[in-house]
Amino acid sequence: DLLALLVEATPRVVPKRELHERLWPGGTVTDATLVALVKQ
């Protein structure tokens, strides 16, 4: 899902806030969770 968002947006930089809202709608996760997902 993260890759799909980045492919859809290329070459735009996708802000962290937008990624949080679209990957975890209605949820609350920290930046560390997003960083771990990017590493994966």
Full PDB file with SEQRES, HELIX, SHEET, SSBOND, CRYST1, ORIGX, SCALE, CONECT and MASTER records, all heavy atoms in Angstrom:
SEQRES   1 A   40  ASP LEU LEU ALA LEU LEU VAL GLU ALA THR PRO ARG VAL          
SEQRES   2 A   40  VAL PRO LYS ARG GLU LEU HIS GLU ARG LEU TRP PRO GLY          
SEQRES   3 A   40  GLY THR VAL THR ASP ALA THR LEU VAL ALA LEU VAL LYS          
SEQRES   4 A   40  GLN                                                          
HELIX    1 AA1 LEU A    2  ALA A    9  1                                   8    
HELIX    2 AA2 LYS A   16  LEU A   23  1                                   8    
HELIX    3 AA3 ASP A   31  LYS A   39  1                                   9    
CRYST1    1.000    1.000    1.000  90.00  90.00  90.00 P 1           1          
ORIGX1      1.000000  0.000000  0.000000        0.00000                         
ORIGX2      0.000000  1.000000  0.000000        0.00000                         
ORIGX3      0.000000  0.000000  1.000000        0.00000                         
SCALE1      1.000000  0.000000  0.000000        0.00000                         
SCALE2      0.000000  1.000000  0.000000        0.00000                         
SCALE3      0.000000  0.000000  1.000000        0.00000                         
ATOM      1  N   ASP A   1       0.835  -1.204   0.000  1.00  0.00           N  
ATOM      2  CA  ASP A   1       0.000   0.000   0.000  1.00  0.00           C  
ATOM      3  C   ASP A   1       0.874   1.260   0.000  1.00  0.00           C  
ATOM      4  O   ASP A   1       0.552   2.244  -0.685  1.00  0.00           O  
ATOM      5  CB  ASP A   1      -0.913   0.017   1.223  1.00  0.00           C  
ATOM      6  CG  ASP A   1      -1.976  -1.084   1.170  1.00  0.00           C  
ATOM      7  OD1 ASP A   1      -2.233  -1.602   0.076  1.00  0.00           O  
ATOM      8  OD2 ASP A   1      -2.522  -1.419   2.235  1.00  0.00           O  
ATOM      9  N   LEU A   2       1.969   1.238   0.749  1.00  0.00           N  
ATOM     10  CA  LEU A   2       2.886   2.378   0.772  1.00  0.00           C  
ATOM     11  C   LEU A   2       3.492   2.598  -0.607  1.00  0.00           C  
ATOM     12  O   LEU A   2       3.541   3.728  -1.107  1.00  0.00           O  
ATOM     13  CB  LEU A   2       3.991   2.140   1.805  1.00  0.00           C  
ATOM     14  CG  LEU A   2       5.160   3.136   1.788  1.00  0.00           C  
ATOM     15  CD1 LEU A   2       4.670   4.559   2.043  1.00  0.00           C  
ATOM     16  CD2 LEU A   2       6.213   2.735   2.818  1.00  0.00           C  
ATOM     17  N   LEU A   3       3.948   1.527  -1.236  1.00  0.00           N  
ATOM     18  CA  LEU A   3       4.528   1.652  -2.568  1.00  0.00           C  
ATOM     19  C   LEU A   3       3.497   2.181  -3.555  1.00  0.00           C  
ATOM     20  O   LEU A   3       3.816   3.035  -4.403  1.00  0.00           O  
ATOM     21  CB  LEU A   3       5.058   0.298  -3.039  1.00  0.00           C  
ATOM     22  CG  LEU A   3       5.674   0.281  -4.447  1.00  0.00           C  
ATOM     23  CD1 LEU A   3       6.849   1.246  -4.545  1.00  0.00           C  
ATOM     24  CD2 LEU A   3       6.100  -1.125  -4.830  1.00  0.00           C  
ATOM     25  N   ALA A   4       2.265   1.711  -3.453  1.00  0.00           N  
ATOM     26  CA  ALA A   4       1.210   2.178  -4.354  1.00  0.00           C  
ATOM     27  C   ALA A   4       1.005   3.683  -4.230  1.00  0.00           C  
ATOM     28  O   ALA A   4       0.829   4.387  -5.238  1.00  0.00           O  
ATOM     29  CB  ALA A   4      -0.092   1.428  -4.065  1.00  0.00           C  
ATOM     30  N   LEU A   5       1.061   4.192  -3.015  1.00  0.00           N  
ATOM     31  CA  LEU A   5       0.911   5.633  -2.807  1.00  0.00           C  
ATOM     32  C   LEU A   5       2.072   6.404  -3.419  1.00  0.00           C  
ATOM     33  O   LEU A   5       1.875   7.452  -4.043  1.00  0.00           O  
ATOM     34  CB  LEU A   5       0.821   5.935  -1.308  1.00  0.00           C  
ATOM     35  CG  LEU A   5      -0.453   5.479  -0.592  1.00  0.00           C  
ATOM     36  CD1 LEU A   5      -0.347   5.747   0.903  1.00  0.00           C  
ATOM     37  CD2 LEU A   5      -1.672   6.178  -1.170  1.00  0.00           C  
ATOM     38  N   LEU A   6       3.278   5.889  -3.270  1.00  0.00           N  
ATOM     39  CA  LEU A   6       4.449   6.576  -3.811  1.00  0.00           C  
ATOM     40  C   LEU A   6       4.460   6.532  -5.338  1.00  0.00           C  
ATOM     41  O   LEU A   6       4.831   7.509  -5.995  1.00  0.00           O  
ATOM     42  CB  LEU A   6       5.725   5.949  -3.248  1.00  0.00           C  
ATOM     43  CG  LEU A   6       5.926   6.083  -1.741  1.00  0.00           C  
ATOM     44  CD1 LEU A   6       7.188   5.345  -1.302  1.00  0.00           C  
ATOM     45  CD2 LEU A   6       6.004   7.547  -1.325  1.00  0.00           C  
ATOM     46  N   VAL A   7       4.058   5.383  -5.905  1.00  0.00           N  
ATOM     47  CA  VAL A   7       3.985   5.268  -7.372  1.00  0.00           C  
ATOM     48  C   VAL A   7       2.944   6.236  -7.912  1.00  0.00           C  
ATOM     49  O   VAL A   7       3.171   6.931  -8.910  1.00  0.00           O  
ATOM     50  CB  VAL A   7       3.641   3.820  -7.784  1.00  0.00           C  
ATOM     51  CG1 VAL A   7       3.301   3.744  -9.263  1.00  0.00           C  
ATOM     52  CG2 VAL A   7       4.810   2.893  -7.483  1.00  0.00           C  
ATOM     53  N   GLU A   8       1.805   6.286  -7.260  1.00  0.00           N  
ATOM     54  CA  GLU A   8       0.716   7.169  -7.696  1.00  0.00           C  
ATOM     55  C   GLU A   8       1.140   8.644  -7.670  1.00  0.00           C  
ATOM     56  O   GLU A   8       0.766   9.418  -8.555  1.00  0.00           O  
ATOM     57  CB  GLU A   8      -0.493   6.963  -6.775  1.00  0.00           C  
ATOM     58  CG  GLU A   8      -1.667   7.892  -7.036  1.00  0.00           C  
ATOM     59  CD  GLU A   8      -2.749   7.759  -5.972  1.00  0.00           C  
ATOM     60  OE1 GLU A   8      -2.884   6.658  -5.396  1.00  0.00           O  
ATOM     61  OE2 GLU A   8      -3.445   8.755  -5.716  1.00  0.00           O  
ATOM     62  N   ALA A   9       1.942   8.996  -6.684  1.00  0.00           N  
ATOM     63  CA  ALA A   9       2.309  10.404  -6.492  1.00  0.00           C  
ATOM     64  C   ALA A   9       3.554  10.836  -7.269  1.00  0.00           C  
ATOM     65  O   ALA A   9       3.800  12.028  -7.420  1.00  0.00           O  
ATOM     66  CB  ALA A   9       2.529  10.679  -5.004  1.00  0.00           C  
ATOM     67  N   THR A  10       4.380   9.870  -7.725  1.00  0.00           N  
ATOM     68  CA  THR A  10       5.658  10.221  -8.332  1.00  0.00           C  
ATOM     69  C   THR A  10       5.525  11.300  -9.406  1.00  0.00           C  
ATOM     70  O   THR A  10       4.566  11.280 -10.183  1.00  0.00           O  
ATOM     71  CB  THR A  10       6.324   8.950  -8.933  1.00  0.00           C  
ATOM     72  OG1 THR A  10       7.628   9.262  -9.354  1.00  0.00           O  
ATOM     73  CG2 THR A  10       5.554   8.410 -10.125  1.00  0.00           C  
ATOM     74  N   PRO A  11       6.418  12.301  -9.420  1.00  0.00           N  
ATOM     75  CA  PRO A  11       7.627  12.457  -8.599  1.00  0.00           C  
ATOM     76  C   PRO A  11       7.412  13.315  -7.345  1.00  0.00           C  
ATOM     77  O   PRO A  11       8.364  13.740  -6.717  1.00  0.00           O  
ATOM     78  CB  PRO A  11       8.573  13.168  -9.571  1.00  0.00           C  
ATOM     79  CG  PRO A  11       7.660  14.059 -10.354  1.00  0.00           C  
ATOM     80  CD  PRO A  11       6.381  13.279 -10.530  1.00  0.00           C  
ATOM     81  N   ARG A  12       6.162  13.532  -6.992  1.00  0.00           N  
ATOM     82  CA  ARG A  12       5.865  14.383  -5.836  1.00  0.00           C  
ATOM     83  C   ARG A  12       6.343  13.746  -4.531  1.00  0.00           C  
ATOM     84  O   ARG A  12       6.281  12.535  -4.368  1.00  0.00           O  
ATOM     85  CB  ARG A  12       4.351  14.618  -5.768  1.00  0.00           C  
ATOM     86  CG  ARG A  12       3.879  15.454  -4.577  1.00  0.00           C  
ATOM     87  CD  ARG A  12       2.393  15.752  -4.698  1.00  0.00           C  
ATOM     88  NE  ARG A  12       1.564  14.572  -4.549  1.00  0.00           N  
ATOM     89  CZ  ARG A  12       1.078  14.141  -3.387  1.00  0.00           C  
ATOM     90  NH1 ARG A  12       1.404  14.776  -2.252  1.00  0.00           N  
ATOM     91  NH2 ARG A  12       0.299  13.074  -3.341  1.00  0.00           N  
ATOM     92  N   VAL A  13       6.814  14.583  -3.625  1.00  0.00           N  
ATOM     93  CA  VAL A  13       7.140  14.125  -2.278  1.00  0.00           C  
ATOM     94  C   VAL A  13       5.836  14.009  -1.490  1.00  0.00           C  
ATOM     95  O   VAL A  13       5.060  14.966  -1.403  1.00  0.00           O  
ATOM     96  CB  VAL A  13       8.092  15.110  -1.561  1.00  0.00           C  
ATOM     97  CG1 VAL A  13       8.354  14.655  -0.127  1.00  0.00           C  
ATOM     98  CG2 VAL A  13       9.406  15.239  -2.324  1.00  0.00           C  
ATOM     99  N   VAL A  14       5.584  12.817  -0.944  1.00  0.00           N  
ATOM    100  CA  VAL A  14       4.346  12.596  -0.187  1.00  0.00           C  
ATOM    101  C   VAL A  14       4.619  12.902   1.276  1.00  0.00           C  
ATOM    102  O   VAL A  14       5.456  12.246   1.907  1.00  0.00           O  
ATOM    103  CB  VAL A  14       3.847  11.147  -0.330  1.00  0.00           C  
ATOM    104  CG1 VAL A  14       2.492  10.986   0.354  1.00  0.00           C  
ATOM    105  CG2 VAL A  14       3.741  10.760  -1.801  1.00  0.00           C  
ATOM    106  N   PRO A  15       3.945  13.910   1.851  1.00  0.00           N  
ATOM    107  CA  PRO A  15       4.192  14.256   3.252  1.00  0.00           C  
ATOM    108  C   PRO A  15       3.846  13.108   4.197  1.00  0.00           C  
ATOM    109  O   PRO A  15       2.955  12.298   3.921  1.00  0.00           O  
ATOM    110  CB  PRO A  15       3.255  15.456   3.482  1.00  0.00           C  
ATOM    111  CG  PRO A  15       2.967  15.997   2.114  1.00  0.00           C  
ATOM    112  CD  PRO A  15       2.965  14.800   1.209  1.00  0.00           C  
ATOM    113  N   LYS A  16       4.541  13.064   5.322  1.00  0.00           N  
ATOM    114  CA  LYS A  16       4.281  12.028   6.319  1.00  0.00           C  
ATOM    115  C   LYS A  16       2.822  12.037   6.764  1.00  0.00           C  
ATOM    116  O   LYS A  16       2.204  10.977   6.932  1.00  0.00           O  
ATOM    117  CB  LYS A  16       5.180  12.232   7.528  1.00  0.00           C  
ATOM    118  CG  LYS A  16       6.661  12.030   7.273  1.00  0.00           C  
ATOM    119  CD  LYS A  16       7.443  12.263   8.552  1.00  0.00           C  
ATOM    120  CE  LYS A  16       8.936  12.147   8.327  1.00  0.00           C  
ATOM    121  NZ  LYS A  16       9.691  12.427   9.572  1.00  0.00           N  
ATOM    122  N   ARG A  17       2.295  13.219   6.943  1.00  0.00           N  
ATOM    123  CA  ARG A  17       0.920  13.315   7.426  1.00  0.00           C  
ATOM    124  C   ARG A  17      -0.051  12.653   6.450  1.00  0.00           C  
ATOM    125  O   ARG A  17      -0.977  11.935   6.864  1.00  0.00           O  
ATOM    126  CB  ARG A  17       0.538  14.786   7.625  1.00  0.00           C  
ATOM    127  CG  ARG A  17      -0.874  14.987   8.165  1.00  0.00           C  
ATOM    128  CD  ARG A  17      -1.148  16.442   8.456  1.00  0.00           C  
ATOM    129  NE  ARG A  17      -2.495  16.648   8.964  1.00  0.00           N  
ATOM    130  CZ  ARG A  17      -2.987  17.817   9.345  1.00  0.00           C  
ATOM    131  NH1 ARG A  17      -2.205  18.891   9.295  1.00  0.00           N  
ATOM    132  NH2 ARG A  17      -4.217  17.920   9.779  1.00  0.00           N  
ATOM    133  N   GLU A  18       0.164  12.876   5.154  1.00  0.00           N  
ATOM    134  CA  GLU A  18      -0.691  12.258   4.143  1.00  0.00           C  
ATOM    135  C   GLU A  18      -0.552  10.738   4.167  1.00  0.00           C  
ATOM    136  O   GLU A  18      -1.544  10.008   4.035  1.00  0.00           O  
ATOM    137  CB  GLU A  18      -0.349  12.798   2.754  1.00  0.00           C  
ATOM    138  CG  GLU A  18      -1.204  12.208   1.640  1.00  0.00           C  
ATOM    139  CD  GLU A  18      -0.855  12.770   0.276  1.00  0.00           C  
ATOM    140  OE1 GLU A  18      -0.253  13.869   0.211  1.00  0.00           O  
ATOM    141  OE2 GLU A  18      -1.178  12.111  -0.739  1.00  0.00           O  
ATOM    142  N   LEU A  19       0.675  10.248   4.331  1.00  0.00           N  
ATOM    143  CA  LEU A  19       0.895   8.811   4.393  1.00  0.00           C  
ATOM    144  C   LEU A  19       0.200   8.201   5.599  1.00  0.00           C  
ATOM    145  O   LEU A  19      -0.422   7.133   5.511  1.00  0.00           O  
ATOM    146  CB  LEU A  19       2.396   8.511   4.426  1.00  0.00           C  
ATOM    147  CG  LEU A  19       3.168   8.823   3.134  1.00  0.00           C  
ATOM    148  CD1 LEU A  19       4.661   8.657   3.350  1.00  0.00           C  
ATOM    149  CD2 LEU A  19       2.688   7.916   1.999  1.00  0.00           C  
ATOM    150  N   HIS A  20       0.312   8.877   6.742  1.00  0.00           N  
ATOM    151  CA  HIS A  20      -0.379   8.390   7.951  1.00  0.00           C  
ATOM    152  C   HIS A  20      -1.880   8.302   7.715  1.00  0.00           C  
ATOM    153  O   HIS A  20      -2.522   7.294   8.070  1.00  0.00           O  
ATOM    154  CB  HIS A  20      -0.092   9.334   9.122  1.00  0.00           C  
ATOM    155  CG  HIS A  20       1.221   9.100   9.793  1.00  0.00           C  
ATOM    156  ND1 HIS A  20       1.446   8.011  10.606  1.00  0.00           N  
ATOM    157  CD2 HIS A  20       2.377   9.807   9.775  1.00  0.00           C  
ATOM    158  CE1 HIS A  20       2.687   8.062  11.070  1.00  0.00           C  
ATOM    159  NE2 HIS A  20       3.280   9.146  10.572  1.00  0.00           N  
ATOM    160  N   GLU A  21      -2.462   9.344   7.113  1.00  0.00           N  
ATOM    161  CA  GLU A  21      -3.911   9.396   6.941  1.00  0.00           C  
ATOM    162  C   GLU A  21      -4.406   8.323   5.977  1.00  0.00           C  
ATOM    163  O   GLU A  21      -5.491   7.766   6.155  1.00  0.00           O  
ATOM    164  CB  GLU A  21      -4.314  10.787   6.436  1.00  0.00           C  
ATOM    165  CG  GLU A  21      -4.133  11.886   7.471  1.00  0.00           C  
ATOM    166  CD  GLU A  21      -4.406  13.268   6.897  1.00  0.00           C  
ATOM    167  OE1 GLU A  21      -4.542  13.380   5.647  1.00  0.00           O  
ATOM    168  OE2 GLU A  21      -4.479  14.234   7.673  1.00  0.00           O  
ATOM    169  N   ARG A  22      -3.602   8.025   4.948  1.00  0.00           N  
ATOM    170  CA  ARG A  22      -4.054   7.079   3.927  1.00  0.00           C  
ATOM    171  C   ARG A  22      -3.709   5.625   4.270  1.00  0.00           C  
ATOM    172  O   ARG A  22      -4.418   4.705   3.858  1.00  0.00           O  
ATOM    173  CB  ARG A  22      -3.475   7.469   2.570  1.00  0.00           C  
ATOM    174  CG  ARG A  22      -3.963   8.848   2.104  1.00  0.00           C  
ATOM    175  CD  ARG A  22      -3.506   9.169   0.714  1.00  0.00           C  
ATOM    176  NE  ARG A  22      -4.078   8.253  -0.284  1.00  0.00           N  
ATOM    177  CZ  ARG A  22      -3.856   8.355  -1.592  1.00  0.00           C  
ATOM    178  NH1 ARG A  22      -3.075   9.324  -2.045  1.00  0.00           N  
ATOM    179  NH2 ARG A  22      -4.394   7.504  -2.438  1.00  0.00           N  
ATOM    180  N   LEU A  23      -2.627   5.432   5.001  1.00  0.00           N  
ATOM    181  CA  LEU A  23      -2.247   4.067   5.371  1.00  0.00           C  
ATOM    182  C   LEU A  23      -2.960   3.583   6.626  1.00  0.00           C  
ATOM    183  O   LEU A  23      -3.256   2.392   6.752  1.00  0.00           O  
ATOM    184  CB  LEU A  23      -0.729   3.987   5.566  1.00  0.00           C  
ATOM    185  CG  LEU A  23       0.123   4.116   4.302  1.00  0.00           C  
ATOM    186  CD1 LEU A  23       1.599   4.236   4.665  1.00  0.00           C  
ATOM    187  CD2 LEU A  23      -0.089   2.920   3.376  1.00  0.00           C  
ATOM    188  N   TRP A  24      -3.203   4.504   7.546  1.00  0.00           N  
ATOM    189  CA  TRP A  24      -3.852   4.136   8.804  1.00  0.00           C  
ATOM    190  C   TRP A  24      -5.022   5.085   9.064  1.00  0.00           C  
ATOM    191  O   TRP A  24      -5.014   5.855  10.036  1.00  0.00           O  
ATOM    192  CB  TRP A  24      -2.863   4.196   9.961  1.00  0.00           C  
ATOM    193  CG  TRP A  24      -1.725   3.232   9.832  1.00  0.00           C  
ATOM    194  CD1 TRP A  24      -1.739   1.900  10.106  1.00  0.00           C  
ATOM    195  CD2 TRP A  24      -0.393   3.524   9.366  1.00  0.00           C  
ATOM    196  NE1 TRP A  24      -0.508   1.339   9.863  1.00  0.00           N  
ATOM    197  CE2 TRP A  24       0.348   2.305   9.410  1.00  0.00           C  
ATOM    198  CE3 TRP A  24       0.261   4.679   8.932  1.00  0.00           C  
ATOM    199  CZ2 TRP A  24       1.683   2.229   9.024  1.00  0.00           C  
ATOM    200  CZ3 TRP A  24       1.588   4.611   8.541  1.00  0.00           C  
ATOM    201  CH2 TRP A  24       2.285   3.398   8.583  1.00  0.00           C  
ATOM    202  N   PRO A  25      -6.041   5.083   8.206  1.00  0.00           N  
ATOM    203  CA  PRO A  25      -7.165   6.015   8.384  1.00  0.00           C  
ATOM    204  C   PRO A  25      -7.871   5.783   9.718  1.00  0.00           C  
ATOM    205  O   PRO A  25      -8.232   4.666  10.062  1.00  0.00           O  
ATOM    206  CB  PRO A  25      -8.088   5.689   7.197  1.00  0.00           C  
ATOM    207  CG  PRO A  25      -7.710   4.296   6.790  1.00  0.00           C  
ATOM    208  CD  PRO A  25      -6.247   4.170   7.065  1.00  0.00           C  
ATOM    209  N   GLY A  26      -8.025   6.872  10.445  1.00  0.00           N  
ATOM    210  CA  GLY A  26      -8.695   6.781  11.734  1.00  0.00           C  
ATOM    211  C   GLY A  26      -7.850   6.210  12.837  1.00  0.00           C  
ATOM    212  O   GLY A  26      -8.282   6.142  13.990  1.00  0.00           O  
ATOM    213  N   GLY A  27      -6.615   5.798  12.510  1.00  0.00           N  
ATOM    214  CA  GLY A  27      -5.740   5.223  13.526  1.00  0.00           C  
ATOM    215  C   GLY A  27      -4.702   6.218  13.997  1.00  0.00           C  
ATOM    216  O   GLY A  27      -4.537   7.297  13.430  1.00  0.00           O  
ATOM    217  N   THR A  28      -3.994   5.826  15.026  1.00  0.00           N  
ATOM    218  CA  THR A  28      -2.935   6.671  15.573  1.00  0.00           C  
ATOM    219  C   THR A  28      -1.665   5.852  15.661  1.00  0.00           C  
ATOM    220  O   THR A  28      -1.570   4.913  16.454  1.00  0.00           O  
ATOM    221  CB  THR A  28      -3.308   7.202  16.969  1.00  0.00           C  
ATOM    222  OG1 THR A  28      -4.536   7.923  16.891  1.00  0.00           O  
ATOM    223  CG2 THR A  28      -2.206   8.124  17.493  1.00  0.00           C  
ATOM    224  N   VAL A  29      -0.696   6.200  14.823  1.00  0.00           N  
ATOM    225  CA  VAL A  29       0.598   5.524  14.845  1.00  0.00           C  
ATOM    226  C   VAL A  29       1.684   6.583  14.885  1.00  0.00           C  
ATOM    227  O   VAL A  29       1.485   7.731  14.489  1.00  0.00           O  
ATOM    228  CB  VAL A  29       0.797   4.617  13.613  1.00  0.00           C  
ATOM    229  CG1 VAL A  29      -0.228   3.505  13.577  1.00  0.00           C  
ATOM    230  CG2 VAL A  29       0.733   5.420  12.323  1.00  0.00           C  
ATOM    231  N   THR A  30       2.853   6.195  15.333  1.00  0.00           N  
ATOM    232  CA  THR A  30       3.960   7.132  15.422  1.00  0.00           C  
ATOM    233  C   THR A  30       4.757   7.139  14.123  1.00  0.00           C  
ATOM    234  O   THR A  30       4.619   6.268  13.264  1.00  0.00           O  
ATOM    235  CB  THR A  30       4.903   6.728  16.567  1.00  0.00           C  
ATOM    236  OG1 THR A  30       5.503   5.459  16.251  1.00  0.00           O  
ATOM    237  CG2 THR A  30       4.142   6.612  17.878  1.00  0.00           C  
ATOM    238  N   ASP A  31       5.633   8.147  13.995  1.00  0.00           N  
ATOM    239  CA  ASP A  31       6.515   8.207  12.832  1.00  0.00           C  
ATOM    240  C   ASP A  31       7.424   6.985  12.769  1.00  0.00           C  
ATOM    241  O   ASP A  31       7.843   6.563  11.687  1.00  0.00           O  
ATOM    242  CB  ASP A  31       7.369   9.483  12.874  1.00  0.00           C  
ATOM    243  CG  ASP A  31       6.619  10.695  12.336  1.00  0.00           C  
ATOM    244  OD1 ASP A  31       5.527  10.503  11.770  1.00  0.00           O  
ATOM    245  OD2 ASP A  31       7.128  11.823  12.472  1.00  0.00           O  
ATOM    246  N   ALA A  32       7.738   6.427  13.924  1.00  0.00           N  
ATOM    247  CA  ALA A  32       8.605   5.251  13.960  1.00  0.00           C  
ATOM    248  C   ALA A  32       7.979   4.084  13.194  1.00  0.00           C  
ATOM    249  O   ALA A  32       8.683   3.295  12.555  1.00  0.00           O  
ATOM    250  CB  ALA A  32       8.888   4.849  15.401  1.00  0.00           C  
ATOM    251  N   THR A  33       6.656   3.975  13.246  1.00  0.00           N  
ATOM    252  CA  THR A  33       5.959   2.911  12.510  1.00  0.00           C  
ATOM    253  C   THR A  33       6.113   3.108  11.017  1.00  0.00           C  
ATOM    254  O   THR A  33       6.353   2.153  10.267  1.00  0.00           O  
ATOM    255  CB  THR A  33       4.471   2.893  12.884  1.00  0.00           C  
ATOM    256  OG1 THR A  33       4.334   2.724  14.298  1.00  0.00           O  
ATOM    257  CG2 THR A  33       3.748   1.772  12.174  1.00  0.00           C  
ATOM    258  N   LEU A  34       5.989   4.357  10.569  1.00  0.00           N  
ATOM    259  CA  LEU A  34       6.159   4.662   9.149  1.00  0.00           C  
ATOM    260  C   LEU A  34       7.598   4.407   8.713  1.00  0.00           C  
ATOM    261  O   LEU A  34       7.842   3.832   7.647  1.00  0.00           O  
ATOM    262  CB  LEU A  34       5.763   6.110   8.875  1.00  0.00           C  
ATOM    263  CG  LEU A  34       5.937   6.593   7.428  1.00  0.00           C  
ATOM    264  CD1 LEU A  34       5.120   5.741   6.464  1.00  0.00           C  
ATOM    265  CD2 LEU A  34       5.540   8.066   7.312  1.00  0.00           C  
ATOM    266  N   VAL A  35       8.559   4.816   9.529  1.00  0.00           N  
ATOM    267  CA  VAL A  35       9.972   4.593   9.216  1.00  0.00           C  
ATOM    268  C   VAL A  35      10.261   3.100   9.078  1.00  0.00           C  
ATOM    269  O   VAL A  35      10.971   2.664   8.160  1.00  0.00           O  
ATOM    270  CB  VAL A  35      10.874   5.227  10.291  1.00  0.00           C  
ATOM    271  CG1 VAL A  35      12.328   4.777  10.108  1.00  0.00           C  
ATOM    272  CG2 VAL A  35      10.789   6.746  10.226  1.00  0.00           C  
ATOM    273  N   ALA A  36       9.708   2.301   9.977  1.00  0.00           N  
ATOM    274  CA  ALA A  36       9.910   0.856   9.923  1.00  0.00           C  
ATOM    275  C   ALA A  36       9.308   0.270   8.651  1.00  0.00           C  
ATOM    276  O   ALA A  36       9.873  -0.653   8.040  1.00  0.00           O  
ATOM    277  CB  ALA A  36       9.298   0.193  11.156  1.00  0.00           C  
ATOM    278  N   LEU A  37       8.170   0.800   8.234  1.00  0.00           N  
ATOM    279  CA  LEU A  37       7.523   0.316   7.015  1.00  0.00           C  
ATOM    280  C   LEU A  37       8.362   0.673   5.780  1.00  0.00           C  
ATOM    281  O   LEU A  37       8.496  -0.144   4.859  1.00  0.00           O  
ATOM    282  CB  LEU A  37       6.123   0.921   6.905  1.00  0.00           C  
ATOM    283  CG  LEU A  37       5.223   0.361   5.797  1.00  0.00           C  
ATOM    284  CD1 LEU A  37       4.968  -1.123   6.002  1.00  0.00           C  
ATOM    285  CD2 LEU A  37       3.894   1.129   5.765  1.00  0.00           C  
ATOM    286  N   VAL A  38       8.931   1.861   5.765  1.00  0.00           N  
ATOM    287  CA  VAL A  38       9.798   2.273   4.656  1.00  0.00           C  
ATOM    288  C   VAL A  38      11.025   1.358   4.589  1.00  0.00           C  
ATOM    289  O   VAL A  38      11.437   0.916   3.505  1.00  0.00           O  
ATOM    290  CB  VAL A  38      10.228   3.739   4.808  1.00  0.00           C  
ATOM    291  CG1 VAL A  38      11.316   4.096   3.780  1.00  0.00           C  
ATOM    292  CG2 VAL A  38       9.034   4.672   4.640  1.00  0.00           C  
ATOM    293  N   LYS A  39      11.610   1.034   5.734  1.00  0.00           N  
ATOM    294  CA  LYS A  39      12.769   0.136   5.774  1.00  0.00           C  
ATOM    295  C   LYS A  39      12.402  -1.246   5.235  1.00  0.00           C  
ATOM    296  O   LYS A  39      13.170  -1.877   4.513  1.00  0.00           O  
ATOM    297  CB  LYS A  39      13.302   0.023   7.201  1.00  0.00           C  
ATOM    298  CG  LYS A  39      14.020   1.275   7.702  1.00  0.00           C  
ATOM    299  CD  LYS A  39      14.543   1.069   9.118  1.00  0.00           C  
ATOM    300  CE  LYS A  39      15.302   2.291   9.600  1.00  0.00           C  
ATOM    301  NZ  LYS A  39      15.797   2.123  10.997  1.00  0.00           N  
ATOM    302  N   GLN A  40      11.215  -1.713   5.593  1.00  0.00           N  
ATOM    303  CA  GLN A  40      10.741  -3.014   5.119  1.00  0.00           C  
ATOM    304  C   GLN A  40      10.602  -3.009   3.598  1.00  0.00           C  
ATOM    305  O   GLN A  40      11.004  -3.980   2.921  1.00  0.00           O  
ATOM    306  CB  GLN A  40       9.395  -3.318   5.774  1.00  0.00           C  
ATOM    307  CG  GLN A  40       8.858  -4.699   5.499  1.00  0.00           C  
ATOM    308  CD  GLN A  40       7.529  -4.935   6.193  1.00  0.00           C  
ATOM    309  OE1 GLN A  40       6.591  -4.140   6.043  1.00  0.00           O  
ATOM    310  NE2 GLN A  40       7.437  -6.000   6.959  1.00  0.00           N  
TER     311      GLN A  40                                                      
MASTER        0    0    0    3    0    0    0    6  310    1    0    4          
END                                                                             
